C-alpha cells in the first residue's frame, strides 16, 4: 500500500506510526509482524465498511425501484379518475 494514497495506505501509515511510538515510549519492541498486523487491521476495517456500504446501496436501489413503481401506480390511478372538466362530472 502507498502511504501517500490518502486512503488505506495513509491510514495504515498513521496507525503504525502512532502505535509504534506508544510501544517504544513504553519500552516495548515493534517488529515487522506489527506492521503487517496494522495493514491487516486497516484492510479489515475498510473491507467491512465497503460491505456495509454495498448493502446500503442495494437497499437504496430497491427503494428507488419501489418508488418508481408507486409513482407509476399513482399515475394510473390519476389517469382513471374522472376529470372535473368533464361536463358529466358535476351532474347528479
PDB file of N, CA and C in Angstrom:
ATOM      1  N   UNK A   1       0.834  -1.186   0.000  1.00  0.00           N
ATOM      2  CA  UNK A   1       0.000   0.000   0.000  1.00  0.00           C
ATOM      3  C   UNK A   1       0.876   1.244   0.000  1.00  0.00           C
ATOM      4  N   UNK A   2       0.414   2.246  -0.703  1.00  0.00           N
ATOM      5  CA  UNK A   2       1.128   3.511  -0.782  1.00  0.00           C
ATOM      6  C   UNK A   2       0.685   4.413   0.361  1.00  0.00           C
ATOM      7  N   UNK A   3       1.630   4.823   1.196  1.00  0.00           N
ATOM      8  CA  UNK A   3       1.261   5.640   2.351  1.00  0.00           C
ATOM      9  C   UNK A   3       0.820   7.045   1.964  1.00  0.00           C
ATOM     10  N   UNK A   4       1.000   7.410   0.703  1.00  0.00           N
ATOM     11  CA  UNK A   4       0.592   8.734   0.237  1.00  0.00           C
ATOM     12  C   UNK A   4      -0.677   8.686  -0.604  1.00  0.00           C
ATOM     13  N   UNK A   5      -1.389   7.557  -0.550  1.00  0.00           N
ATOM     14  CA  UNK A   5      -2.588   7.417  -1.386  1.00  0.00           C
ATOM     15  C   UNK A   5      -3.799   8.156  -0.819  1.00  0.00           C
ATOM     16  N   UNK A   6      -3.697   8.630   0.414  1.00  0.00           N
ATOM     17  CA  UNK A   6      -4.818   9.331   1.030  1.00  0.00           C
ATOM     18  C   UNK A   6      -5.945   8.406   1.438  1.00  0.00           C
ATOM     19  N   UNK A   7      -5.685   7.109   1.390  1.00  0.00           N
ATOM     20  CA  UNK A   7      -6.715   6.125   1.705  1.00  0.00           C
ATOM     21  C   UNK A   7      -6.158   5.096   2.674  1.00  0.00           C
ATOM     22  N   UNK A   8      -6.223   3.816   2.269  1.00  0.00           N
ATOM     23  CA  UNK A   8      -5.776   2.736   3.153  1.00  0.00           C
ATOM     24  C   UNK A   8      -4.298   2.852   3.513  1.00  0.00           C
ATOM     25  N   UNK A   9      -3.487   3.221   2.544  1.00  0.00           N
ATOM     26  CA  UNK A   9      -2.046   3.345   2.808  1.00  0.00           C
ATOM     27  C   UNK A   9      -1.757   4.408   3.844  1.00  0.00           C
ATOM     28  N   UNK A  10      -2.432   5.536   3.704  1.00  0.00           N
ATOM     29  CA  UNK A  10      -2.242   6.626   4.666  1.00  0.00           C
ATOM     30  C   UNK A  10      -2.748   6.223   6.047  1.00  0.00           C
ATOM     31  N   UNK A  11      -3.888   5.560   6.095  1.00  0.00           N
ATOM     32  CA  UNK A  11      -4.443   5.111   7.376  1.00  0.00           C
ATOM     33  C   UNK A  11      -3.501   4.120   8.051  1.00  0.00           C
ATOM     34  N   UNK A  12      -2.981   3.197   7.275  1.00  0.00           N
ATOM     35  CA  UNK A  12      -2.049   2.200   7.818  1.00  0.00           C
ATOM     36  C   UNK A  12      -0.790   2.880   8.340  1.00  0.00           C
ATOM     37  N   UNK A  13      -0.268   3.812   7.561  1.00  0.00           N
ATOM     38  CA  UNK A  13       0.949   4.513   7.962  1.00  0.00           C
ATOM     39  C   UNK A  13       0.747   5.295   9.253  1.00  0.00           C
ATOM     40  N   UNK A  14      -0.364   6.016   9.354  1.00  0.00           N
ATOM     41  CA  UNK A  14      -0.633   6.793  10.570  1.00  0.00           C
ATOM     42  C   UNK A  14      -0.843   5.896  11.786  1.00  0.00           C
ATOM     43  N   UNK A  15      -1.633   4.845  11.618  1.00  0.00           N
ATOM     44  CA  UNK A  15      -1.881   3.920  12.723  1.00  0.00           C
ATOM     45  C   UNK A  15      -0.570   3.288  13.182  1.00  0.00           C
ATOM     46  N   UNK A  16       0.231   2.851  12.238  1.00  0.00           N
ATOM     47  CA  UNK A  16       1.515   2.237  12.563  1.00  0.00           C
ATOM     48  C   UNK A  16       2.422   3.228  13.281  1.00  0.00           C
ATOM     49  N   UNK A  17       2.491   4.448  12.776  1.00  0.00           N
ATOM     50  CA  UNK A  17       3.356   5.465  13.382  1.00  0.00           C
ATOM     51  C   UNK A  17       2.991   5.706  14.842  1.00  0.00           C
ATOM     52  N   UNK A  18       1.703   5.941  15.099  1.00  0.00           N
ATOM     53  CA  UNK A  18       1.307   6.274  16.467  1.00  0.00           C
ATOM     54  C   UNK A  18       1.413   5.084  17.414  1.00  0.00           C
ATOM     55  N   UNK A  19       1.048   3.913  16.959  1.00  0.00           N
ATOM     56  CA  UNK A  19       1.172   2.744  17.840  1.00  0.00           C
ATOM     57  C   UNK A  19       2.634   2.380  18.084  1.00  0.00           C
ATOM     58  N   UNK A  20       3.454   2.504  17.051  1.00  0.00           N
ATOM     59  CA  UNK A  20       4.885   2.225  17.214  1.00  0.00           C
ATOM     60  C   UNK A  20       5.491   3.211  18.217  1.00  0.00           C
ATOM     61  N   UNK A  21       5.094   4.483  18.125  1.00  0.00           N
ATOM     62  CA  UNK A  21       5.573   5.494  19.061  1.00  0.00           C
ATOM     63  C   UNK A  21       5.174   5.138  20.486  1.00  0.00           C
ATOM     64  N   UNK A  22       3.920   4.714  20.665  1.00  0.00           N
ATOM     65  CA  UNK A  22       3.462   4.311  22.004  1.00  0.00           C
ATOM     66  C   UNK A  22       4.213   3.092  22.517  1.00  0.00           C
ATOM     67  N   UNK A  23       4.395   2.107  21.644  1.00  0.00           N
ATOM     68  CA  UNK A  23       5.132   0.907  22.031  1.00  0.00           C
ATOM     69  C   UNK A  23       6.522   1.277  22.535  1.00  0.00           C
ATOM     70  N   UNK A  24       7.234   2.019  21.699  1.00  0.00           N
ATOM     71  CA  UNK A  24       8.629   2.336  22.019  1.00  0.00           C
ATOM     72  C   UNK A  24       8.741   3.250  23.243  1.00  0.00           C
ATOM     73  N   UNK A  25       7.774   4.161  23.426  1.00  0.00           N
ATOM     74  CA  UNK A  25       7.787   5.049  24.595  1.00  0.00           C
ATOM     75  C   UNK A  25       7.586   4.269  25.886  1.00  0.00           C
ATOM     76  N   UNK A  26       6.985   3.081  25.768  1.00  0.00           N
ATOM     77  CA  UNK A  26       6.741   2.251  26.947  1.00  0.00           C
ATOM     78  C   UNK A  26       7.699   1.071  27.027  1.00  0.00           C
ATOM     79  N   UNK A  27       8.777   1.136  26.271  1.00  0.00           N
ATOM     80  CA  UNK A  27       9.817   0.120  26.341  1.00  0.00           C
ATOM     81  C   UNK A  27       9.483  -1.184  25.636  1.00  0.00           C
ATOM     82  N   UNK A  28       8.479  -1.176  24.796  1.00  0.00           N
ATOM     83  CA  UNK A  28       8.109  -2.386  24.052  1.00  0.00           C
ATOM     84  C   UNK A  28       8.775  -2.371  22.673  1.00  0.00           C
ATOM     85  N   UNK A  29       8.985  -3.548  22.140  1.00  0.00           N
ATOM     86  CA  UNK A  29       9.618  -3.655  20.826  1.00  0.00           C
ATOM     87  C   UNK A  29       8.557  -3.755  19.736  1.00  0.00           C
ATOM     88  N   UNK A  30       8.855  -3.129  18.641  1.00  0.00           N
ATOM     89  CA  UNK A  30       7.983  -3.146  17.454  1.00  0.00           C
ATOM     90  C   UNK A  30       8.738  -3.874  16.357  1.00  0.00           C
ATOM     91  N   UNK A  31       8.065  -4.809  15.679  1.00  0.00           N
ATOM     92  CA  UNK A  31       8.748  -5.518  14.594  1.00  0.00           C
ATOM     93  C   UNK A  31       7.871  -5.563  13.341  1.00  0.00           C
ATOM     94  N   UNK A  32       8.350  -6.229  12.328  1.00  0.00           N
ATOM     95  CA  UNK A  32       7.624  -6.268  11.049  1.00  0.00           C
ATOM     96  C   UNK A  32       6.272  -6.982  11.174  1.00  0.00           C
ATOM     97  N   UNK A  33       6.149  -7.881  12.130  1.00  0.00           N
ATOM     98  CA  UNK A  33       4.851  -8.538  12.352  1.00  0.00           C
ATOM     99  C   UNK A  33       3.797  -7.503  12.756  1.00  0.00           C
ATOM    100  N   UNK A  34       4.218  -6.546  13.576  1.00  0.00           N
ATOM    101  CA  UNK A  34       3.295  -5.487  13.983  1.00  0.00           C
ATOM    102  C   UNK A  34       2.864  -4.642  12.777  1.00  0.00           C
ATOM    103  N   UNK A  35       3.804  -4.363  11.875  1.00  0.00           N
ATOM    104  CA  UNK A  35       3.473  -3.620  10.653  1.00  0.00           C
ATOM    105  C   UNK A  35       2.424  -4.362   9.840  1.00  0.00           C
ATOM    106  N   UNK A  36       2.628  -5.657   9.691  1.00  0.00           N
ATOM    107  CA  UNK A  36       1.697  -6.485   8.922  1.00  0.00           C
ATOM    108  C   UNK A  36       0.327  -6.517   9.588  1.00  0.00           C
ATOM    109  N   UNK A  37       0.311  -6.604  10.903  1.00  0.00           N
ATOM    110  CA  UNK A  37      -0.961  -6.626  11.630  1.00  0.00           C
ATOM    111  C   UNK A  37      -1.719  -5.301  11.476  1.00  0.00           C
ATOM    112  N   UNK A  38      -1.001  -4.198  11.443  1.00  0.00           N
ATOM    113  CA  UNK A  38      -1.652  -2.892  11.247  1.00  0.00           C
ATOM    114  C   UNK A  38      -2.267  -2.819   9.850  1.00  0.00           C
ATOM    115  N   UNK A  39      -1.555  -3.318   8.861  1.00  0.00           N
ATOM    116  CA  UNK A  39      -2.073  -3.340   7.497  1.00  0.00           C
ATOM    117  C   UNK A  39      -3.319  -4.225   7.417  1.00  0.00           C
ATOM    118  N   UNK A  40      -3.263  -5.377   8.057  1.00  0.00           N
ATOM    119  CA  UNK A  40      -4.402  -6.297   8.076  1.00  0.00           C
ATOM    120  C   UNK A  40      -5.597  -5.668   8.786  1.00  0.00           C
ATOM    121  N   UNK A  41      -5.328  -4.974   9.874  1.00  0.00           N
ATOM    122  CA  UNK A  41      -6.395  -4.311  10.632  1.00  0.00           C
ATOM    123  C   UNK A  41      -7.101  -3.255   9.778  1.00  0.00           C
ATOM    124  N   UNK A  42      -6.322  -2.415   9.113  1.00  0.00           N
ATOM    125  CA  UNK A  42      -6.914  -1.374   8.269  1.00  0.00           C
ATOM    126  C   UNK A  42      -7.693  -2.006   7.123  1.00  0.00           C
ATOM    127  N   UNK A  43      -7.145  -3.025   6.497  1.00  0.00           N
ATOM    128  CA  UNK A  43      -7.841  -3.712   5.403  1.00  0.00           C
ATOM    129  C   UNK A  43      -9.171  -4.299   5.883  1.00  0.00           C
ATOM    130  N   UNK A  44      -9.172  -4.867   7.096  1.00  0.00           N
ATOM    131  CA  UNK A  44     -10.405  -5.449   7.644  1.00  0.00           C
ATOM    132  C   UNK A  44     -11.450  -4.371   7.912  1.00  0.00           C
ATOM    133  N   UNK A  45     -11.022  -3.256   8.457  1.00  0.00           N
ATOM    134  CA  UNK A  45     -11.959  -2.159   8.733  1.00  0.00           C
ATOM    135  C   UNK A  45     -12.531  -1.616   7.431  1.00  0.00           C
ATOM    136  N   UNK A  46     -11.671  -1.377   6.457  1.00  0.00           N
ATOM    137  CA  UNK A  46     -12.121  -0.847   5.169  1.00  0.00           C
ATOM    138  C   UNK A  46     -13.018  -1.860   4.461  1.00  0.00           C
ATOM    139  N   UNK A  47     -12.627  -3.126   4.482  1.00  0.00           N
ATOM    140  CA  UNK A  47     -13.432  -4.171   3.842  1.00  0.00           C
ATOM    141  C   UNK A  47     -14.808  -4.283   4.455  1.00  0.00           C
ATOM    142  N   UNK A  48     -14.868  -4.205   5.766  1.00  0.00           N
ATOM    143  CA  UNK A  48     -16.152  -4.269   6.462  1.00  0.00           C
ATOM    144  C   UNK A  48     -17.020  -3.069   6.099  1.00  0.00           C
ATOM    145  N   UNK A  49     -16.399  -1.913   6.050  1.00  0.00           N
ATOM    146  CA  UNK A  49     -17.135  -0.692   5.691  1.00  0.00           C
ATOM    147  C   UNK A  49     -17.666  -0.774   4.268  1.00  0.00           C
ATOM    148  N   UNK A  50     -16.841  -1.279   3.356  1.00  0.00           N
ATOM    149  CA  UNK A  50     -17.277  -1.410   1.961  1.00  0.00           C
ATOM    150  C   UNK A  50     -18.450  -2.376   1.842  1.00  0.00           C
ATOM    151  N   UNK A  51     -18.410  -3.466   2.597  1.00  0.00           N
ATOM    152  CA  UNK A  51     -19.519  -4.425   2.576  1.00  0.00           C
ATOM    153  C   UNK A  51     -20.804  -3.775   3.056  1.00  0.00           C
ATOM    154  N   UNK A  52     -20.683  -2.992   4.124  1.00  0.00           N
ATOM    155  CA  UNK A  52     -21.858  -2.315   4.664  1.00  0.00           C
ATOM    156  C   UNK A  52     -22.406  -1.297   3.659  1.00  0.00           C
ATOM    157  N   UNK A  53     -21.506  -0.574   3.014  1.00  0.00           N
ATOM    158  CA  UNK A  53     -21.915   0.408   2.006  1.00  0.00           C
ATOM    159  C   UNK A  53     -22.606  -0.291   0.839  1.00  0.00           C
ATOM    160  N   UNK A  54     -22.067  -1.422   0.406  1.00  0.00           N
ATOM    161  CA  UNK A  54     -22.688  -2.176  -0.685  1.00  0.00           C
ATOM    162  C   UNK A  54     -24.103  -2.614  -0.321  1.00  0.00           C
ATOM    163  N   UNK A  55     -24.287  -3.052   0.923  1.00  0.00           N
ATOM    164  CA  UNK A  55     -25.623  -3.455   1.382  1.00  0.00           C
ATOM    165  C   UNK A  55     -26.584  -2.273   1.361  1.00  0.00           C
ATOM    166  N   UNK A  56     -26.105  -1.127   1.818  1.00  0.00           N
ATOM    167  CA  UNK A  56     -26.952   0.072   1.837  1.00  0.00           C
ATOM    168  C   UNK A  56     -27.291   0.501   0.421  1.00  0.00           C
ATOM    169  N   UNK A  57     -26.325   0.441  -0.480  1.00  0.00           N
ATOM    170  CA  UNK A  57     -26.584   0.786  -1.885  1.00  0.00           C
ATOM    171  C   UNK A  57     -27.651  -0.124  -2.483  1.00  0.00           C
ATOM    172  N   UNK A  58     -27.578  -1.410  -2.171  1.00  0.00           N
ATOM    173  CA  UNK A  58     -28.562  -2.363  -2.680  1.00  0.00           C
ATOM    174  C   UNK A  58     -29.951  -2.029  -2.145  1.00  0.00           C
ATOM    175  N   UNK A  59     -30.033  -1.709  -0.856  1.00  0.00           N
ATOM    176  CA  UNK A  59     -31.315  -1.334  -0.268  1.00  0.00           C
ATOM    177  C   UNK A  59     -31.862  -0.071  -0.927  1.00  0.00           C
ATOM    178  N   UNK A  60     -30.995   0.906  -1.155  1.00  0.00           N
ATOM    179  CA  UNK A  60     -31.429   2.147  -1.801  1.00  0.00           C
ATOM    180  C   UNK A  60     -31.930   1.886  -3.215  1.00  0.00           C
ATOM    181  N   UNK A  61     -31.255   1.008  -3.930  1.00  0.00           N
ATOM    182  CA  UNK A  61     -31.679   0.653  -5.279  1.00  0.00           C
ATOM    183  C   UNK A  61     -33.072   0.031  -5.242  1.00  0.00           C
ATOM    184  N   UNK A  62     -33.309  -0.849  -4.294  1.00  0.00           N
ATOM    185  CA  UNK A  62     -34.625  -1.472  -4.153  1.00  0.00           C
ATOM    186  C   UNK A  62     -35.690  -0.433  -3.810  1.00  0.00           C
ATOM    187  N   UNK A  63     -35.347   0.502  -2.919  1.00  0.00           N
ATOM    188  CA  UNK A  63     -36.306   1.544  -2.537  1.00  0.00           C
ATOM    189  C   UNK A  63     -36.616   2.454  -3.731  1.00  0.00           C
ATOM    190  N   UNK A  64     -35.591   2.806  -4.494  1.00  0.00           N
ATOM    191  CA  UNK A  64     -35.807   3.643  -5.678  1.00  0.00           C
ATOM    192  C   UNK A  64     -36.737   2.947  -6.662  1.00  0.00           C
ATOM    193  N   UNK A  65     -36.523   1.661  -6.856  1.00  0.00           N
ATOM    194  CA  UNK A  65     -37.373   0.896  -7.770  1.00  0.00           C
ATOM    195  C   UNK A  65     -38.812   0.881  -7.272  1.00  0.00           C
ATOM    196  N   UNK A  66     -38.987   0.694  -5.964  1.00  0.00           N
ATOM    197  CA  UNK A  66     -40.336   0.674  -5.398  1.00  0.00           C
ATOM    198  C   UNK A  66     -41.009   2.038  -5.553  1.00  0.00           C
ATOM    199  N   UNK A  67     -40.252   3.112  -5.376  1.00  0.00           N
ATOM    200  CA  UNK A  67     -40.796   4.460  -5.550  1.00  0.00           C
ATOM    201  C   UNK A  67     -41.247   4.657  -6.995  1.00  0.00           C
ATOM    202  N   UNK A  68     -40.448   4.205  -7.955  1.00  0.00           N
ATOM    203  CA  UNK A  68     -40.835   4.306  -9.363  1.00  0.00           C
ATOM    204  C   UNK A  68     -42.129   3.551  -9.626  1.00  0.00           C
ATOM    205  N   UNK A  69     -42.224   2.349  -9.051  1.00  0.00           N
ATOM    206  CA  UNK A  69     -43.434   1.539  -9.225  1.00  0.00           C
ATOM    207  C   UNK A  69     -44.644   2.245  -8.608  1.00  0.00           C
ATOM    208  N   UNK A  70     -44.463   2.819  -7.432  1.00  0.00           N
ATOM    209  CA  UNK A  70     -45.566   3.512  -6.765  1.00  0.00           C
ATOM    210  C   UNK A  70     -45.998   4.740  -7.559  1.00  0.00           C
ATOM    211  N   UNK A  71     -45.031   5.459  -8.116  1.00  0.00           N
ATOM    212  CA  UNK A  71     -45.373   6.619  -8.929  1.00  0.00           C
ATOM    213  C   UNK A  71     -46.150   6.198 -10.174  1.00  0.00           C
ATOM    214  N   UNK A  72     -45.728   5.098 -10.777  1.00  0.00           N
ATOM    215  CA  UNK A  72     -46.427   4.597 -11.957  1.00  0.00           C
ATOM    216  C   UNK A  72     -47.862   4.203 -11.589  1.00  0.00           C
ATOM    217  N   UNK A  73     -48.028   3.546 -10.445  1.00  0.00           N
ATOM    218  CA  UNK A  73     -49.362   3.172  -9.972  1.00  0.00           C
ATOM    219  C   UNK A  73     -50.204   4.421  -9.718  1.00  0.00           C
ATOM    220  N   UNK A  74     -49.598   5.437  -9.128  1.00  0.00           N
ATOM    221  CA  UNK A  74     -50.308   6.677  -8.837  1.00  0.00           C
ATOM    222  C   UNK A  74     -50.765   7.348 -10.133  1.00  0.00           C
ATOM    223  N   UNK A  75     -49.899   7.352 -11.136  1.00  0.00           N
ATOM    224  CA  UNK A  75     -50.269   7.959 -12.417  1.00  0.00           C
ATOM    225  C   UNK A  75     -51.427   7.196 -13.055  1.00  0.00           C
ATOM    226  N   UNK A  76     -51.425   5.880 -12.906  1.00  0.00           N
ATOM    227  CA  UNK A  76     -52.507   5.062 -13.449  1.00  0.00           C
ATOM    228  C   UNK A  76     -53.821   5.420 -12.768  1.00  0.00           C
ATOM    229  N   UNK A  77     -53.781   5.620 -11.452  1.00  0.00           N
ATOM    230  CA  UNK A  77     -54.985   5.988 -10.712  1.00  0.00           C
ATOM    231  C   UNK A  77     -55.483   7.346 -11.202  1.00  0.00           C
ATOM    232  N   UNK A  78     -54.585   8.294 -11.349  1.00  0.00           N
ATOM    233  CA  UNK A  78     -54.985   9.629 -11.816  1.00  0.00           C
ATOM    234  C   UNK A  78     -55.539   9.583 -13.236  1.00  0.00           C
ATOM    235  N   UNK A  79     -54.960   8.748 -14.072  1.00  0.00           N
ATOM    236  CA  UNK A  79     -55.443   8.626 -15.450  1.00  0.00           C
ATOM    237  C   UNK A  79     -56.862   8.080 -15.494  1.00  0.00           C
ATOM    238  N   UNK A  80     -57.235   7.286 -14.505  1.00  0.00           N
ATOM    239  CA  UNK A  80     -58.562   6.669 -14.477  1.00  0.00           C
ATOM    240  C   UNK A  80     -59.593   7.486 -13.707  1.00  0.00           C
ATOM    241  N   UNK A  81     -59.181   8.566 -13.076  1.00  0.00           N
ATOM    242  CA  UNK A  81     -60.103   9.423 -12.343  1.00  0.00           C
ATOM    243  C   UNK A  81     -60.892  10.275 -13.339  1.00  0.00           C
ATOM    244  N   UNK A  82     -62.160  10.534 -13.039  1.00  0.00           N
ATOM    245  CA  UNK A  82     -62.919  11.410 -13.932  1.00  0.00           C
ATOM    246  C   UNK A  82     -62.386  12.839 -13.852  1.00  0.00           C
ATOM    247  N   UNK A  83     -62.375  13.507 -14.934  1.00  0.00           N
ATOM    248  CA  UNK A  83     -61.894  14.880 -14.995  1.00  0.00           C
ATOM    249  C   UNK A  83     -62.963  15.830 -14.471  1.00  0.00           C
ATOM    250  N   UNK A  84     -62.549  16.832 -13.707  1.00  0.00           N
ATOM    251  CA  UNK A  84     -63.503  17.833 -13.221  1.00  0.00           C
ATOM    252  C   UNK A  84     -63.972  18.735 -14.365  1.00  0.00           C
ATOM    253  N   UNK A  85     -63.280  18.673 -15.492  1.00  0.00           N
ATOM    254  CA  UNK A  85     -63.671  19.459 -16.659  1.00  0.00           C
ATOM    255  C   UNK A  85     -64.735  18.734 -17.500  1.00  0.00           C
ATOM    256  N   UNK A  86     -64.937  17.479 -17.182  1.00  0.00           N
ATOM    257  CA  UNK A  86     -65.923  16.690 -17.924  1.00  0.00           C
ATOM    258  C   UNK A  86     -67.320  17.225 -17.593  1.00  0.00           C
ATOM    259  N   UNK A  87     -68.111  17.490 -18.584  1.00  0.00           N
ATOM    260  CA  UNK A  87     -69.430  18.077 -18.374  1.00  0.00           C
ATOM    261  C   UNK A  87     -70.344  17.172 -17.540  1.00  0.00           C
ATOM    262  N   UNK A  88     -70.108  15.881 -17.528  1.00  0.00           N
ATOM    263  CA  UNK A  88     -70.940  14.968 -16.747  1.00  0.00           C
ATOM    264  C   UNK A  88     -70.481  14.847 -15.283  1.00  0.00           C
ATOM    265  N   UNK A  89     -69.315  15.383 -14.987  1.00  0.00           N
ATOM    266  CA  UNK A  89     -68.759  15.255 -13.631  1.00  0.00           C
ATOM    267  C   UNK A  89     -69.643  15.953 -12.600  1.00  0.00           C
ATOM    268  N   UNK A  90     -70.219  17.113 -12.927  1.00  0.00           N
ATOM    269  CA  UNK A  90     -70.971  17.901 -11.975  1.00  0.00           C
ATOM    270  C   UNK A  90     -72.464  17.552 -11.945  1.00  0.00           C
ATOM    271  N   UNK A  91     -72.870  16.691 -12.779  1.00  0.00           N
ATOM    272  CA  UNK A  91     -74.301  16.291 -12.803  1.00  0.00           C
ATOM    273  C   UNK A  91     -74.551  15.180 -11.815  1.00  0.00           C
ATOM    274  N   UNK A  92     -75.753  15.152 -11.333  1.00  0.00           N
ATOM    275  CA  UNK A  92     -76.144  14.097 -10.400  1.00  0.00           C
ATOM    276  C   UNK A  92     -76.438  12.819 -11.097  1.00  0.00           C
TER     277      UNK A  92
END
